[in-house]
Amino acid sequence: VTRHGKKYHHGLEAGSKAELIAAMGMLRDTEAVLVCNGY
């Protein structure tokens, strides 16, 4: 998703700490959004 989505600045949504840590490690595009939901 992050590789092909880069040309569209397609970002990620994380709903937990584990997902956020995964997203921070996988996402390289600072133009994309990283949305943090959940408690």
ModelCIF file with pLDDT and N, C-alpha, C, O atoms, coordinates in Angstrom:
data_MODEL
#
_entry.id   MODEL 
#
_entity.id                         1 
_entity.type                       polymer 
_entity.pdbx_number_of_molecules   1 
#
_entity_poly.entity_id                      1 
_entity_poly.type                           'polypeptide(L)' 
_entity_poly.nstd_linkage                   no 
_entity_poly.nstd_monomer                   no 
_entity_poly.pdbx_seq_one_letter_code       VTRHGKKYHHGLEAGSKAELIAAMGMLRDTEAVLVCNGY 
_entity_poly.pdbx_seq_one_letter_code_can   VTRHGKKYHHGLEAGSKAELIAAMGMLRDTEAVLVCNGY 
_entity_poly.pdbx_strand_id                 A 
#
loop_
_entity_poly_seq.entity_id 
_entity_poly_seq.num 
_entity_poly_seq.mon_id 
_entity_poly_seq.hetero 
1 1  VAL n 
1 2  THR n 
1 3  ARG n 
1 4  HIS n 
1 5  GLY n 
1 6  LYS n 
1 7  LYS n 
1 8  TYR n 
1 9  HIS n 
1 10 HIS n 
1 11 GLY n 
1 12 LEU n 
1 13 GLU n 
1 14 ALA n 
1 15 GLY n 
1 16 SER n 
1 17 LYS n 
1 18 ALA n 
1 19 GLU n 
1 20 LEU n 
1 21 ILE n 
1 22 ALA n 
1 23 ALA n 
1 24 MET n 
1 25 GLY n 
1 26 MET n 
1 27 LEU n 
1 28 ARG n 
1 29 ASP n 
1 30 THR n 
1 31 GLU n 
1 32 ALA n 
1 33 VAL n 
1 34 LEU n 
1 35 VAL n 
1 36 CYS n 
1 37 ASN n 
1 38 GLY n 
1 39 TYR n 
#
_struct_asym.id          A 
_struct_asym.entity_id   1 
#
loop_
_ma_qa_metric.id 
_ma_qa_metric.mode 
_ma_qa_metric.name 
_ma_qa_metric.software_group_id 
_ma_qa_metric.type 
1 global pLDDT . pLDDT 
2 local  pLDDT . pLDDT 
#
_ma_qa_metric_global.metric_id      1 
_ma_qa_metric_global.metric_value   95.59 
_ma_qa_metric_global.model_id       1 
_ma_qa_metric_global.ordinal_id     1 
#
loop_
_ma_qa_metric_local.label_asym_id 
_ma_qa_metric_local.label_comp_id 
_ma_qa_metric_local.label_seq_id 
_ma_qa_metric_local.metric_id 
_ma_qa_metric_local.metric_value 
_ma_qa_metric_local.model_id 
_ma_qa_metric_local.ordinal_id 
A VAL 1  2 96.00 1 1  
A THR 2  2 96.00 1 2  
A ARG 3  2 95.00 1 3  
A HIS 4  2 95.00 1 4  
A GLY 5  2 95.00 1 5  
A LYS 6  2 96.00 1 6  
A LYS 7  2 96.00 1 7  
A TYR 8  2 97.00 1 8  
A HIS 9  2 97.00 1 9  
A HIS 10 2 98.00 1 10 
A GLY 11 2 97.00 1 11 
A LEU 12 2 98.00 1 12 
A GLU 13 2 97.00 1 13 
A ALA 14 2 96.00 1 14 
A GLY 15 2 95.00 1 15 
A SER 16 2 94.00 1 16 
A LYS 17 2 94.00 1 17 
A ALA 18 2 95.00 1 18 
A GLU 19 2 96.00 1 19 
A LEU 20 2 96.00 1 20 
A ILE 21 2 96.00 1 21 
A ALA 22 2 95.00 1 22 
A ALA 23 2 96.00 1 23 
A MET 24 2 96.00 1 24 
A GLY 25 2 95.00 1 25 
A MET 26 2 95.00 1 26 
A LEU 27 2 94.00 1 27 
A ARG 28 2 93.00 1 28 
A ASP 29 2 95.00 1 29 
A THR 30 2 94.00 1 30 
A GLU 31 2 96.00 1 31 
A ALA 32 2 97.00 1 32 
A VAL 33 2 97.00 1 33 
A LEU 34 2 97.00 1 34 
A VAL 35 2 97.00 1 35 
A CYS 36 2 97.00 1 36 
A ASN 37 2 96.00 1 37 
A GLY 38 2 92.00 1 38 
A TYR 39 2 91.00 1 39 
#
loop_
_atom_site.group_PDB 
_atom_site.id 
_atom_site.type_symbol 
_atom_site.label_atom_id 
_atom_site.label_alt_id 
_atom_site.label_comp_id 
_atom_site.label_asym_id 
_atom_site.label_entity_id 
_atom_site.label_seq_id 
_atom_site.pdbx_PDB_ins_code 
_atom_site.Cartn_x 
_atom_site.Cartn_y 
_atom_site.Cartn_z 
_atom_site.occupancy 
_atom_site.B_iso_or_equiv 
_atom_site.pdbx_formal_charge 
_atom_site.auth_seq_id 
_atom_site.auth_comp_id 
_atom_site.auth_asym_id 
_atom_site.auth_atom_id 
_atom_site.pdbx_PDB_model_num 
ATOM 1   N N  . VAL A 1 1  ? 0.836  -1.205 0.000  1.00 96.00 ? 1  VAL A N  1 
ATOM 2   C CA . VAL A 1 1  ? 0.000  0.000  0.000  1.00 96.00 ? 1  VAL A CA 1 
ATOM 3   C C  . VAL A 1 1  ? 0.867  1.249  0.000  1.00 96.00 ? 1  VAL A C  1 
ATOM 4   O O  . VAL A 1 1  ? 0.635  2.170  -0.783 1.00 96.00 ? 1  VAL A O  1 
ATOM 5   N N  . THR A 1 2  ? 1.858  1.284  0.869  1.00 96.00 ? 2  THR A N  1 
ATOM 6   C CA . THR A 1 2  ? 2.691  2.485  0.952  1.00 96.00 ? 2  THR A CA 1 
ATOM 7   C C  . THR A 1 2  ? 3.561  2.662  -0.287 1.00 96.00 ? 2  THR A C  1 
ATOM 8   O O  . THR A 1 2  ? 3.830  3.789  -0.705 1.00 96.00 ? 2  THR A O  1 
ATOM 9   N N  . ARG A 1 3  ? 4.003  1.551  -0.875 1.00 95.00 ? 3  ARG A N  1 
ATOM 10  C CA . ARG A 1 3  ? 4.872  1.649  -2.058 1.00 95.00 ? 3  ARG A CA 1 
ATOM 11  C C  . ARG A 1 3  ? 4.091  2.202  -3.251 1.00 95.00 ? 3  ARG A C  1 
ATOM 12  O O  . ARG A 1 3  ? 4.504  3.193  -3.854 1.00 95.00 ? 3  ARG A O  1 
ATOM 13  N N  . HIS A 1 4  ? 2.964  1.567  -3.598 1.00 95.00 ? 4  HIS A N  1 
ATOM 14  C CA . HIS A 1 4  ? 2.224  2.048  -4.761 1.00 95.00 ? 4  HIS A CA 1 
ATOM 15  C C  . HIS A 1 4  ? 1.480  3.344  -4.444 1.00 95.00 ? 4  HIS A C  1 
ATOM 16  O O  . HIS A 1 4  ? 1.292  4.187  -5.321 1.00 95.00 ? 4  HIS A O  1 
ATOM 17  N N  . GLY A 1 5  ? 1.058  3.500  -3.191 1.00 95.00 ? 5  GLY A N  1 
ATOM 18  C CA . GLY A 1 5  ? 0.286  4.689  -2.831 1.00 95.00 ? 5  GLY A CA 1 
ATOM 19  C C  . GLY A 1 5  ? 1.104  5.956  -2.741 1.00 95.00 ? 5  GLY A C  1 
ATOM 20  O O  . GLY A 1 5  ? 0.543  7.045  -2.626 1.00 95.00 ? 5  GLY A O  1 
ATOM 21  N N  . LYS A 1 6  ? 2.429  5.836  -2.790 1.00 96.00 ? 6  LYS A N  1 
ATOM 22  C CA . LYS A 1 6  ? 3.279  7.017  -2.599 1.00 96.00 ? 6  LYS A CA 1 
ATOM 23  C C  . LYS A 1 6  ? 3.005  8.098  -3.637 1.00 96.00 ? 6  LYS A C  1 
ATOM 24  O O  . LYS A 1 6  ? 3.022  9.286  -3.316 1.00 96.00 ? 6  LYS A O  1 
ATOM 25  N N  . LYS A 1 7  ? 2.752  7.693  -4.882 1.00 96.00 ? 7  LYS A N  1 
ATOM 26  C CA . LYS A 1 7  ? 2.540  8.711  -5.920 1.00 96.00 ? 7  LYS A CA 1 
ATOM 27  C C  . LYS A 1 7  ? 1.241  9.479  -5.703 1.00 96.00 ? 7  LYS A C  1 
ATOM 28  O O  . LYS A 1 7  ? 1.044  10.545 -6.287 1.00 96.00 ? 7  LYS A O  1 
ATOM 29  N N  . TYR A 1 8  ? 0.357  8.946  -4.871 1.00 97.00 ? 8  TYR A N  1 
ATOM 30  C CA . TYR A 1 8  ? -0.887 9.640  -4.531 1.00 97.00 ? 8  TYR A CA 1 
ATOM 31  C C  . TYR A 1 8  ? -0.835 10.219 -3.113 1.00 97.00 ? 8  TYR A C  1 
ATOM 32  O O  . TYR A 1 8  ? -1.816 10.795 -2.643 1.00 97.00 ? 8  TYR A O  1 
ATOM 33  N N  . HIS A 1 9  ? 0.301  10.070 -2.435 1.00 97.00 ? 9  HIS A N  1 
ATOM 34  C CA . HIS A 1 9  ? 0.421  10.439 -1.017 1.00 97.00 ? 9  HIS A CA 1 
ATOM 35  C C  . HIS A 1 9  ? -0.640 9.728  -0.195 1.00 97.00 ? 9  HIS A C  1 
ATOM 36  O O  . HIS A 1 9  ? -1.266 10.315 0.688  1.00 97.00 ? 9  HIS A O  1 
ATOM 37  N N  . HIS A 1 10 ? -0.830 8.440  -0.505 1.00 98.00 ? 10 HIS A N  1 
ATOM 38  C CA . HIS A 1 10 ? -1.818 7.639  0.217  1.00 98.00 ? 10 HIS A CA 1 
ATOM 39  C C  . HIS A 1 10 ? -1.207 7.207  1.543  1.00 98.00 ? 10 HIS A C  1 
ATOM 40  O O  . HIS A 1 10 ? -0.171 6.543  1.576  1.00 98.00 ? 10 HIS A O  1 
ATOM 41  N N  . GLY A 1 11 ? -1.867 7.595  2.646  1.00 97.00 ? 11 GLY A N  1 
ATOM 42  C CA . GLY A 1 11 ? -1.312 7.376  3.964  1.00 97.00 ? 11 GLY A CA 1 
ATOM 43  C C  . GLY A 1 11 ? -1.891 6.173  4.677  1.00 97.00 ? 11 GLY A C  1 
ATOM 44  O O  . GLY A 1 11 ? -2.419 5.250  4.056  1.00 97.00 ? 11 GLY A O  1 
ATOM 45  N N  . LEU A 1 12 ? -1.779 6.203  6.007  1.00 98.00 ? 12 LEU A N  1 
ATOM 46  C CA . LEU A 1 12 ? -2.204 5.084  6.841  1.00 98.00 ? 12 LEU A CA 1 
ATOM 47  C C  . LEU A 1 12 ? -3.053 5.580  8.001  1.00 98.00 ? 12 LEU A C  1 
ATOM 48  O O  . LEU A 1 12 ? -2.959 6.735  8.415  1.00 98.00 ? 12 LEU A O  1 
ATOM 49  N N  . GLU A 1 13 ? -3.882 4.682  8.512  1.00 97.00 ? 13 GLU A N  1 
ATOM 50  C CA . GLU A 1 13 ? -4.651 4.933  9.731  1.00 97.00 ? 13 GLU A CA 1 
ATOM 51  C C  . GLU A 1 13 ? -4.306 3.867  10.741 1.00 97.00 ? 13 GLU A C  1 
ATOM 52  O O  . GLU A 1 13 ? -4.294 2.677  10.424 1.00 97.00 ? 13 GLU A O  1 
ATOM 53  N N  . ALA A 1 14 ? -4.019 4.301  11.985 1.00 96.00 ? 14 ALA A N  1 
ATOM 54  C CA . ALA A 1 14 ? -3.658 3.375  13.057 1.00 96.00 ? 14 ALA A CA 1 
ATOM 55  C C  . ALA A 1 14 ? -4.633 3.539  14.209 1.00 96.00 ? 14 ALA A C  1 
ATOM 56  O O  . ALA A 1 14 ? -4.989 4.655  14.587 1.00 96.00 ? 14 ALA A O  1 
ATOM 57  N N  . GLY A 1 15 ? -5.061 2.410  14.761 1.00 95.00 ? 15 GLY A N  1 
ATOM 58  C CA . GLY A 1 15 ? -6.018 2.445  15.864 1.00 95.00 ? 15 GLY A CA 1 
ATOM 59  C C  . GLY A 1 15 ? -5.472 1.882  17.151 1.00 95.00 ? 15 GLY A C  1 
ATOM 60  O O  . GLY A 1 15 ? -6.223 1.688  18.107 1.00 95.00 ? 15 GLY A O  1 
ATOM 61  N N  . SER A 1 16 ? -4.165 1.612  17.198 1.00 94.00 ? 16 SER A N  1 
ATOM 62  C CA . SER A 1 16 ? -3.545 1.086  18.407 1.00 94.00 ? 16 SER A CA 1 
ATOM 63  C C  . SER A 1 16 ? -2.072 1.442  18.384 1.00 94.00 ? 16 SER A C  1 
ATOM 64  O O  . SER A 1 16 ? -1.546 1.882  17.362 1.00 94.00 ? 16 SER A O  1 
ATOM 65  N N  . LYS A 1 17 ? -1.400 1.248  19.529 1.00 94.00 ? 17 LYS A N  1 
ATOM 66  C CA . LYS A 1 17 ? 0.040  1.536  19.575 1.00 94.00 ? 17 LYS A CA 1 
ATOM 67  C C  . LYS A 1 17 ? 0.819  0.659  18.608 1.00 94.00 ? 17 LYS A C  1 
ATOM 68  O O  . LYS A 1 17 ? 1.724  1.125  17.916 1.00 94.00 ? 17 LYS A O  1 
ATOM 69  N N  . ALA A 1 18 ? 0.454  -0.622 18.572 1.00 95.00 ? 18 ALA A N  1 
ATOM 70  C CA . ALA A 1 18 ? 1.175  -1.527 17.675 1.00 95.00 ? 18 ALA A CA 1 
ATOM 71  C C  . ALA A 1 18 ? 1.017  -1.096 16.223 1.00 95.00 ? 18 ALA A C  1 
ATOM 72  O O  . ALA A 1 18 ? 1.983  -1.113 15.460 1.00 95.00 ? 18 ALA A O  1 
ATOM 73  N N  . GLU A 1 19 ? -0.200 -0.709 15.838 1.00 96.00 ? 19 GLU A N  1 
ATOM 74  C CA . GLU A 1 19 ? -0.422 -0.261 14.462 1.00 96.00 ? 19 GLU A CA 1 
ATOM 75  C C  . GLU A 1 19 ? 0.326  1.042  14.191 1.00 96.00 ? 19 GLU A C  1 
ATOM 76  O O  . GLU A 1 19 ? 0.855  1.230  13.095 1.00 96.00 ? 19 GLU A O  1 
ATOM 77  N N  . LEU A 1 20 ? 0.378  1.947  15.177 1.00 96.00 ? 20 LEU A N  1 
ATOM 78  C CA . LEU A 1 20 ? 1.095  3.201  14.985 1.00 96.00 ? 20 LEU A CA 1 
ATOM 79  C C  . LEU A 1 20 ? 2.593  2.954  14.808 1.00 96.00 ? 20 LEU A C  1 
ATOM 80  O O  . LEU A 1 20 ? 3.234  3.579  13.963 1.00 96.00 ? 20 LEU A O  1 
ATOM 81  N N  . ILE A 1 21 ? 3.144  2.049  15.601 1.00 96.00 ? 21 ILE A N  1 
ATOM 82  C CA . ILE A 1 21 ? 4.565  1.732  15.471 1.00 96.00 ? 21 ILE A CA 1 
ATOM 83  C C  . ILE A 1 21 ? 4.845  1.127  14.093 1.00 96.00 ? 21 ILE A C  1 
ATOM 84  O O  . ILE A 1 21 ? 5.847  1.449  13.454 1.00 96.00 ? 21 ILE A O  1 
ATOM 85  N N  . ALA A 1 22 ? 3.939  0.239  13.641 1.00 95.00 ? 22 ALA A N  1 
ATOM 86  C CA . ALA A 1 22 ? 4.097  -0.315 12.294 1.00 95.00 ? 22 ALA A CA 1 
ATOM 87  C C  . ALA A 1 22 ? 4.024  0.779  11.246 1.00 95.00 ? 22 ALA A C  1 
ATOM 88  O O  . ALA A 1 22 ? 4.822  0.798  10.308 1.00 95.00 ? 22 ALA A O  1 
ATOM 89  N N  . ALA A 1 23 ? 3.069  1.694  11.397 1.00 96.00 ? 23 ALA A N  1 
ATOM 90  C CA . ALA A 1 23 ? 2.895  2.765  10.416 1.00 96.00 ? 23 ALA A CA 1 
ATOM 91  C C  . ALA A 1 23 ? 4.104  3.688  10.376 1.00 96.00 ? 23 ALA A C  1 
ATOM 92  O O  . ALA A 1 23 ? 4.552  4.082  9.299  1.00 96.00 ? 23 ALA A O  1 
ATOM 93  N N  . MET A 1 24 ? 4.637  4.035  11.552 1.00 96.00 ? 24 MET A N  1 
ATOM 94  C CA . MET A 1 24 ? 5.799  4.929  11.591 1.00 96.00 ? 24 MET A CA 1 
ATOM 95  C C  . MET A 1 24 ? 7.022  4.287  10.946 1.00 96.00 ? 24 MET A C  1 
ATOM 96  O O  . MET A 1 24 ? 7.867  4.980  10.378 1.00 96.00 ? 24 MET A O  1 
ATOM 97  N N  . GLY A 1 25 ? 7.115  2.968  11.033 1.00 95.00 ? 25 GLY A N  1 
ATOM 98  C CA . GLY A 1 25 ? 8.231  2.281  10.411 1.00 95.00 ? 25 GLY A CA 1 
ATOM 99  C C  . GLY A 1 25 ? 8.067  2.082  8.918  1.00 95.00 ? 25 GLY A C  1 
ATOM 100 O O  . GLY A 1 25 ? 9.056  2.007  8.189  1.00 95.00 ? 25 GLY A O  1 
ATOM 101 N N  . MET A 1 26 ? 6.811  1.994  8.448  1.00 95.00 ? 26 MET A N  1 
ATOM 102 C CA . MET A 1 26 ? 6.555  1.696  7.036  1.00 95.00 ? 26 MET A CA 1 
ATOM 103 C C  . MET A 1 26 ? 6.392  2.951  6.181  1.00 95.00 ? 26 MET A C  1 
ATOM 104 O O  . MET A 1 26 ? 6.761  2.949  5.006  1.00 95.00 ? 26 MET A O  1 
ATOM 105 N N  . LEU A 1 27 ? 5.842  4.023  6.757  1.00 94.00 ? 27 LEU A N  1 
ATOM 106 C CA . LEU A 1 27 ? 5.499  5.207  5.971  1.00 94.00 ? 27 LEU A CA 1 
ATOM 107 C C  . LEU A 1 27 ? 6.722  6.100  5.807  1.00 94.00 ? 27 LEU A C  1 
ATOM 108 O O  . LEU A 1 27 ? 7.364  6.469  6.791  1.00 94.00 ? 27 LEU A O  1 
ATOM 109 N N  . ARG A 1 28 ? 7.042  6.446  4.568  1.00 93.00 ? 28 ARG A N  1 
ATOM 110 C CA . ARG A 1 28 ? 8.178  7.324  4.282  1.00 93.00 ? 28 ARG A CA 1 
ATOM 111 C C  . ARG A 1 28 ? 7.732  8.673  3.728  1.00 93.00 ? 28 ARG A C  1 
ATOM 112 O O  . ARG A 1 28 ? 8.515  9.622  3.711  1.00 93.00 ? 28 ARG A O  1 
ATOM 113 N N  . ASP A 1 29 ? 6.508  8.766  3.285  1.00 95.00 ? 29 ASP A N  1 
ATOM 114 C CA . ASP A 1 29 ? 6.012  9.947  2.577  1.00 95.00 ? 29 ASP A CA 1 
ATOM 115 C C  . ASP A 1 29 ? 5.439  10.941 3.582  1.00 95.00 ? 29 ASP A C  1 
ATOM 116 O O  . ASP A 1 29 ? 4.389  10.690 4.174  1.00 95.00 ? 29 ASP A O  1 
ATOM 117 N N  . THR A 1 30 ? 6.115  12.056 3.773  1.00 94.00 ? 30 THR A N  1 
ATOM 118 C CA . THR A 1 30 ? 5.649  13.048 4.747  1.00 94.00 ? 30 THR A CA 1 
ATOM 119 C C  . THR A 1 30 ? 4.501  13.901 4.204  1.00 94.00 ? 30 THR A C  1 
ATOM 120 O O  . THR A 1 30 ? 3.936  14.712 4.937  1.00 94.00 ? 30 THR A O  1 
ATOM 121 N N  . GLU A 1 31 ? 4.153  13.725 2.929  1.00 96.00 ? 31 GLU A N  1 
ATOM 122 C CA . GLU A 1 31 ? 2.978  14.411 2.382  1.00 96.00 ? 31 GLU A CA 1 
ATOM 123 C C  . GLU A 1 31 ? 1.707  13.620 2.665  1.00 96.00 ? 31 GLU A C  1 
ATOM 124 O O  . GLU A 1 31 ? 0.604  14.157 2.556  1.00 96.00 ? 31 GLU A O  1 
ATOM 125 N N  . ALA A 1 32 ? 1.851  12.374 3.020  1.00 97.00 ? 32 ALA A N  1 
ATOM 126 C CA . ALA A 1 32 ? 0.702  11.525 3.337  1.00 97.00 ? 32 ALA A CA 1 
ATOM 127 C C  . ALA A 1 32 ? 0.249  11.795 4.767  1.00 97.00 ? 32 ALA A C  1 
ATOM 128 O O  . ALA A 1 32 ? 1.014  12.310 5.583  1.00 97.00 ? 32 ALA A O  1 
ATOM 129 N N  . VAL A 1 33 ? -1.006 11.443 5.064  1.00 97.00 ? 33 VAL A N  1 
ATOM 130 C CA . VAL A 1 33 ? -1.506 11.607 6.427  1.00 97.00 ? 33 VAL A CA 1 
ATOM 131 C C  . VAL A 1 33 ? -1.325 10.302 7.195  1.00 97.00 ? 33 VAL A C  1 
ATOM 132 O O  . VAL A 1 33 ? -1.375 9.207  6.637  1.00 97.00 ? 33 VAL A O  1 
ATOM 133 N N  . LEU A 1 34 ? -1.113 10.466 8.489  1.00 97.00 ? 34 LEU A N  1 
ATOM 134 C CA . LEU A 1 34 ? -1.073 9.343  9.413  1.00 97.00 ? 34 LEU A CA 1 
ATOM 135 C C  . LEU A 1 34 ? -2.116 9.638  10.484 1.00 97.00 ? 34 LEU A C  1 
ATOM 136 O O  . LEU A 1 34 ? -1.878 10.428 11.397 1.00 97.00 ? 34 LEU A O  1 
ATOM 137 N N  . VAL A 1 35 ? -3.267 8.995  10.362 1.00 97.00 ? 35 VAL A N  1 
ATOM 138 C CA . VAL A 1 35 ? -4.402 9.275  11.243 1.00 97.00 ? 35 VAL A CA 1 
ATOM 139 C C  . VAL A 1 35 ? -4.378 8.297  12.416 1.00 97.00 ? 35 VAL A C  1 
ATOM 140 O O  . VAL A 1 35 ? -4.310 7.083  12.223 1.00 97.00 ? 35 VAL A O  1 
ATOM 141 N N  . CYS A 1 36 ? -4.433 8.836  13.629 1.00 97.00 ? 36 CYS A N  1 
ATOM 142 C CA . CYS A 1 36 ? -4.394 8.009  14.844 1.00 97.00 ? 36 CYS A CA 1 
ATOM 143 C C  . CYS A 1 36 ? -5.758 8.008  15.504 1.00 97.00 ? 36 CYS A C  1 
ATOM 144 O O  . CYS A 1 36 ? -6.174 9.002  16.100 1.00 97.00 ? 36 CYS A O  1 
ATOM 145 N N  . ASN A 1 37 ? -6.451 6.888  15.393 1.00 96.00 ? 37 ASN A N  1 
ATOM 146 C CA . ASN A 1 37 ? -7.754 6.720  16.038 1.00 96.00 ? 37 ASN A CA 1 
ATOM 147 C C  . ASN A 1 37 ? -7.611 5.797  17.247 1.00 96.00 ? 37 ASN A C  1 
ATOM 148 O O  . ASN A 1 37 ? -6.512 5.339  17.559 1.00 96.00 ? 37 ASN A O  1 
ATOM 149 N N  . GLY A 1 38 ? -8.717 5.530  17.918 1.00 92.00 ? 38 GLY A N  1 
ATOM 150 C CA . GLY A 1 38 ? -8.705 4.596  19.032 1.00 92.00 ? 38 GLY A CA 1 
ATOM 151 C C  . GLY A 1 38 ? -8.325 5.260  20.346 1.00 92.00 ? 38 GLY A C  1 
ATOM 152 O O  . GLY A 1 38 ? -7.969 6.438  20.377 1.00 92.00 ? 38 GLY A O  1 
ATOM 153 N N  . TYR A 1 39 ? -8.403 4.492  21.437 1.00 91.00 ? 39 TYR A N  1 
ATOM 154 C CA . TYR A 1 39 ? -8.039 4.988  22.760 1.00 91.00 ? 39 TYR A CA 1 
ATOM 155 C C  . TYR A 1 39 ? -6.534 5.185  22.849 1.00 91.00 ? 39 TYR A C  1 
ATOM 156 O O  . TYR A 1 39 ? -6.027 5.600  23.891 1.00 91.00 ? 39 TYR A O  1 
#
